[in-house]
Protein backbone atom coordinates (compact mmCIF):
# COMPACT_ATOMS: atom_id res chain seq x y z
CA MET A 1 23.07 6.99 -46.41
CA LYS A 2 25.61 9.03 -44.48
CA LYS A 3 26.41 7.89 -40.94
CA GLN A 4 25.54 10.54 -38.34
CA GLU A 5 28.43 11.40 -36.05
CA SER A 6 27.87 12.31 -32.42
CA PRO A 7 28.43 16.01 -31.72
CA ARG A 8 31.67 17.10 -30.19
CA PHE A 9 31.71 18.30 -26.61
CA TRP A 10 32.04 21.99 -27.44
CA GLU A 11 29.11 21.77 -29.88
CA VAL A 12 26.62 20.41 -27.31
CA ASP A 13 23.93 22.78 -26.02
CA LEU A 14 24.41 22.56 -22.26
CA VAL A 15 21.01 24.06 -21.44
CA ALA A 16 19.25 21.39 -23.50
CA LEU A 17 21.50 18.72 -21.98
CA PHE A 18 20.65 19.79 -18.42
CA GLN A 19 16.94 20.00 -19.26
CA LEU A 20 17.06 16.45 -20.58
CA TRP A 21 19.07 15.33 -17.54
CA TRP A 22 16.58 16.99 -15.16
CA SER A 23 13.60 15.38 -16.89
CA ASP A 24 15.26 11.97 -16.55
CA ILE A 25 16.05 12.54 -12.88
CA SER A 26 12.52 13.78 -12.16
CA ALA A 27 11.01 10.71 -13.86
CA PHE A 28 13.23 8.50 -11.70
CA LEU A 29 12.22 10.36 -8.52
CA VAL A 30 8.52 10.07 -9.38
CA THR A 31 9.03 6.33 -9.88
CA VAL A 32 10.77 6.00 -6.51
CA LEU A 33 8.05 8.04 -4.78
CA MET A 34 5.32 5.89 -6.35
CA PHE A 35 7.10 2.70 -5.26
CA CYS A 36 7.37 4.00 -1.68
CA ALA A 37 3.72 5.03 -1.63
CA LEU A 38 2.52 1.70 -3.00
CA SER A 39 4.68 -0.28 -0.56
CA LEU A 40 3.20 1.40 2.55
CA PRO A 41 0.35 -1.14 2.98
CA VAL A 42 3.00 -3.85 3.30
CA VAL A 43 5.65 -1.93 5.25
CA ILE A 44 3.40 -0.50 8.00
CA PRO A 45 1.97 -3.85 9.20
CA ALA A 46 5.43 -5.39 9.01
CA LEU A 47 6.83 -2.64 11.25
CA ILE A 48 3.94 -3.09 13.70
CA MET A 49 4.54 -6.86 13.86
CA TRP A 50 8.28 -6.31 14.30
CA PHE A 51 7.60 -3.86 17.16
CA MET A 52 5.23 -6.31 18.83
CA LEU A 53 7.72 -9.16 18.50
CA ALA A 54 10.61 -7.05 19.81
CA ASN A 55 8.60 -5.96 22.89
CA ASN A 56 7.00 -9.35 23.51
CA ILE A 57 3.47 -7.97 23.15
CA SER A 58 0.76 -10.60 23.06
CA PHE A 59 -3.04 -10.44 22.95
CA GLU A 60 -3.55 -13.85 24.52
CA SER A 61 -5.72 -13.95 27.63
CA ALA A 62 -4.09 -14.93 30.89
CA PRO A 63 -4.91 -18.48 32.14
């Protein structure tokens, strides 16, 4: 069986290359967006607790 050589630079279809590149980038961006959306239930309470700690907010009743 003959070994397939990679195409030379001037033989590459740039439109197909950019379409493949864009589909890879869009898949990565969808993954990042999904990670950010799924992390919101953890991030929002953490930010609220950090804000309360930084401003010394407490819900304890006064003696």
